[in-house]
Amino acid sequence: MPTMKMNPEIKDIFDFDFDDFTLEDYDPHPHIKGKVAI
């Protein structure tokens, strides 16, 4: 089961940045191949 962890040193919700979050134990499915028209 994936878990999202946040930096415990951040005390104000408005101080969070993208790097303050980590996703652990995430096992993504393989990509699905398909034709794409551009």
PDB file of N, CA and C in Angstrom:
ATOM      1  N   MET A   1       0.856  -1.168   0.000  1.00  0.00           N
ATOM      2  CA  MET A   1       0.000   0.000   0.000  1.00  0.00           C
ATOM      3  C   MET A   1       0.905   1.236   0.000  1.00  0.00           C
ATOM      4  N   PRO A   2       0.734   2.142  -0.940  1.00  0.00           N
ATOM      5  CA  PRO A   2       1.576   3.342  -0.980  1.00  0.00           C
ATOM      6  C   PRO A   2       1.281   4.286   0.184  1.00  0.00           C
ATOM      7  N   THR A   3       2.300   4.996   0.592  1.00  0.00           N
ATOM      8  CA  THR A   3       2.183   5.951   1.692  1.00  0.00           C
ATOM      9  C   THR A   3       2.803   7.273   1.270  1.00  0.00           C
ATOM     10  N   MET A   4       2.082   8.371   1.530  1.00  0.00           N
ATOM     11  CA  MET A   4       2.637   9.697   1.261  1.00  0.00           C
ATOM     12  C   MET A   4       3.128  10.267   2.587  1.00  0.00           C
ATOM     13  N   LYS A   5       4.371  10.695   2.600  1.00  0.00           N
ATOM     14  CA  LYS A   5       4.940  11.286   3.808  1.00  0.00           C
ATOM     15  C   LYS A   5       5.268  12.747   3.552  1.00  0.00           C
ATOM     16  N   MET A   6       5.070  13.549   4.589  1.00  0.00           N
ATOM     17  CA  MET A   6       5.358  14.978   4.504  1.00  0.00           C
ATOM     18  C   MET A   6       6.524  15.308   5.421  1.00  0.00           C
ATOM     19  N   ASN A   7       7.258  16.338   5.069  1.00  0.00           N
ATOM     20  CA  ASN A   7       8.387  16.783   5.873  1.00  0.00           C
ATOM     21  C   ASN A   7       7.872  17.235   7.247  1.00  0.00           C
ATOM     22  N   PRO A   8       8.275  16.559   8.332  1.00  0.00           N
ATOM     23  CA  PRO A   8       7.768  16.917   9.662  1.00  0.00           C
ATOM     24  C   PRO A   8       8.327  18.236  10.201  1.00  0.00           C
ATOM     25  N   GLU A   9       9.354  18.778   9.549  1.00  0.00           N
ATOM     26  CA  GLU A   9       9.933  20.040  10.017  1.00  0.00           C
ATOM     27  C   GLU A   9       9.097  21.251   9.610  1.00  0.00           C
ATOM     28  N   ILE A  10       8.194  21.080   8.654  1.00  0.00           N
ATOM     29  CA  ILE A  10       7.347  22.185   8.197  1.00  0.00           C
ATOM     30  C   ILE A  10       6.188  22.341   9.176  1.00  0.00           C
ATOM     31  N   LYS A  11       6.033  23.523   9.710  1.00  0.00           N
ATOM     32  CA  LYS A  11       4.988  23.772  10.711  1.00  0.00           C
ATOM     33  C   LYS A  11       3.812  24.580  10.164  1.00  0.00           C
ATOM     34  N   ASP A  12       4.023  25.317   9.080  1.00  0.00           N
ATOM     35  CA  ASP A  12       2.962  26.138   8.485  1.00  0.00           C
ATOM     36  C   ASP A  12       2.560  25.510   7.153  1.00  0.00           C
ATOM     37  N   ILE A  13       1.279  25.282   6.953  1.00  0.00           N
ATOM     38  CA  ILE A  13       0.807  24.607   5.741  1.00  0.00           C
ATOM     39  C   ILE A  13       1.201  25.348   4.468  1.00  0.00           C
ATOM     40  N   PHE A  14       1.360  26.640   4.530  1.00  0.00           N
ATOM     41  CA  PHE A  14       1.711  27.432   3.354  1.00  0.00           C
ATOM     42  C   PHE A  14       3.209  27.375   3.024  1.00  0.00           C
ATOM     43  N   ASP A  15       4.006  26.742   3.881  1.00  0.00           N
ATOM     44  CA  ASP A  15       5.444  26.625   3.650  1.00  0.00           C
ATOM     45  C   ASP A  15       5.825  25.340   2.908  1.00  0.00           C
ATOM     46  N   PHE A  16       4.864  24.453   2.677  1.00  0.00           N
ATOM     47  CA  PHE A  16       5.170  23.214   1.972  1.00  0.00           C
ATOM     48  C   PHE A  16       5.553  23.494   0.530  1.00  0.00           C
ATOM     49  N   ASP A  17       6.499  22.688   0.043  1.00  0.00           N
ATOM     50  CA  ASP A  17       6.948  22.752  -1.338  1.00  0.00           C
ATOM     51  C   ASP A  17       6.853  21.329  -1.906  1.00  0.00           C
ATOM     52  N   PHE A  18       6.973  21.189  -3.206  1.00  0.00           N
ATOM     53  CA  PHE A  18       6.880  19.877  -3.845  1.00  0.00           C
ATOM     54  C   PHE A  18       7.873  18.884  -3.238  1.00  0.00           C
ATOM     55  N   ASP A  19       9.063  19.340  -2.909  1.00  0.00           N
ATOM     56  CA  ASP A  19      10.108  18.464  -2.371  1.00  0.00           C
ATOM     57  C   ASP A  19       9.844  18.015  -0.938  1.00  0.00           C
ATOM     58  N   ASP A  20       8.836  18.562  -0.279  1.00  0.00           N
ATOM     59  CA  ASP A  20       8.513  18.184   1.095  1.00  0.00           C
ATOM     60  C   ASP A  20       7.626  16.940   1.168  1.00  0.00           C
ATOM     61  N   PHE A  21       7.257  16.384   0.020  1.00  0.00           N
ATOM     62  CA  PHE A  21       6.404  15.201  -0.030  1.00  0.00           C
ATOM     63  C   PHE A  21       7.160  14.049  -0.670  1.00  0.00           C
ATOM     64  N   THR A  22       7.000  12.850  -0.097  1.00  0.00           N
ATOM     65  CA  THR A  22       7.585  11.647  -0.685  1.00  0.00           C
ATOM     66  C   THR A  22       6.507  10.572  -0.758  1.00  0.00           C
ATOM     67  N   LEU A  23       6.566   9.761  -1.795  1.00  0.00           N
ATOM     68  CA  LEU A  23       5.637   8.657  -1.975  1.00  0.00           C
ATOM     69  C   LEU A  23       6.434   7.373  -1.833  1.00  0.00           C
ATOM     70  N   GLU A  24       6.080   6.571  -0.831  1.00  0.00           N
ATOM     71  CA  GLU A  24       6.824   5.351  -0.537  1.00  0.00           C
ATOM     72  C   GLU A  24       5.966   4.122  -0.824  1.00  0.00           C
ATOM     73  N   ASP A  25       6.625   3.043  -1.210  1.00  0.00           N
ATOM     74  CA  ASP A  25       5.980   1.753  -1.487  1.00  0.00           C
ATOM     75  C   ASP A  25       4.968   1.836  -2.623  1.00  0.00           C
ATOM     76  N   TYR A  26       5.230   2.689  -3.609  1.00  0.00           N
ATOM     77  CA  TYR A  26       4.356   2.808  -4.772  1.00  0.00           C
ATOM     78  C   TYR A  26       4.884   1.915  -5.885  1.00  0.00           C
ATOM     79  N   ASP A  27       4.054   1.025  -6.369  1.00  0.00           N
ATOM     80  CA  ASP A  27       4.432   0.106  -7.438  1.00  0.00           C
ATOM     81  C   ASP A  27       3.486   0.344  -8.615  1.00  0.00           C
ATOM     82  N   PRO A  28       3.883   1.189  -9.569  1.00  0.00           N
ATOM     83  CA  PRO A  28       2.986   1.512 -10.682  1.00  0.00           C
ATOM     84  C   PRO A  28       2.826   0.334 -11.647  1.00  0.00           C
ATOM     85  N   HIS A  29       1.686   0.292 -12.302  1.00  0.00           N
ATOM     86  CA  HIS A  29       1.457  -0.704 -13.347  1.00  0.00           C
ATOM     87  C   HIS A  29       2.327  -0.353 -14.552  1.00  0.00           C
ATOM     88  N   PRO A  30       2.652  -1.343 -15.385  1.00  0.00           N
ATOM     89  CA  PRO A  30       3.415  -1.027 -16.595  1.00  0.00           C
ATOM     90  C   PRO A  30       2.596  -0.130 -17.520  1.00  0.00           C
ATOM     91  N   HIS A  31       3.288   0.651 -18.352  1.00  0.00           N
ATOM     92  CA  HIS A  31       2.580   1.570 -19.239  1.00  0.00           C
ATOM     93  C   HIS A  31       1.792   0.796 -20.295  1.00  0.00           C
ATOM     94  N   ILE A  32       0.756   1.426 -20.794  1.00  0.00           N
ATOM     95  CA  ILE A  32      -0.087   0.831 -21.824  1.00  0.00           C
ATOM     96  C   ILE A  32       0.324   1.420 -23.171  1.00  0.00           C
ATOM     97  N   LYS A  33       0.711   0.562 -24.102  1.00  0.00           N
ATOM     98  CA  LYS A  33       1.111   1.028 -25.427  1.00  0.00           C
ATOM     99  C   LYS A  33      -0.134   1.313 -26.260  1.00  0.00           C
ATOM    100  N   GLY A  34      -0.043   2.344 -27.049  1.00  0.00           N
ATOM    101  CA  GLY A  34      -1.143   2.674 -27.942  1.00  0.00           C
ATOM    102  C   GLY A  34      -0.702   3.694 -28.965  1.00  0.00           C
ATOM    103  N   LYS A  35      -1.398   3.736 -30.075  1.00  0.00           N
ATOM    104  CA  LYS A  35      -1.087   4.707 -31.115  1.00  0.00           C
ATOM    105  C   LYS A  35      -1.676   6.059 -30.729  1.00  0.00           C
ATOM    106  N   VAL A  36      -0.916   7.098 -30.996  1.00  0.00           N
ATOM    107  CA  VAL A  36      -1.352   8.458 -30.687  1.00  0.00           C
ATOM    108  C   VAL A  36      -1.155   9.307 -31.933  1.00  0.00           C
ATOM    109  N   ALA A  37      -2.192  10.033 -32.301  1.00  0.00           N
ATOM    110  CA  ALA A  37      -2.093  10.938 -33.450  1.00  0.00           C
ATOM    111  C   ALA A  37      -1.886  12.349 -32.937  1.00  0.00           C
ATOM    112  N   ILE A  38      -0.925  13.036 -33.530  1.00  0.00           N
ATOM    113  CA  ILE A  38      -0.648  14.416 -33.112  1.00  0.00           C
ATOM    114  C   ILE A  38      -0.900  15.340 -34.275  1.00  0.00           C
TER     115      ILE A  38
END
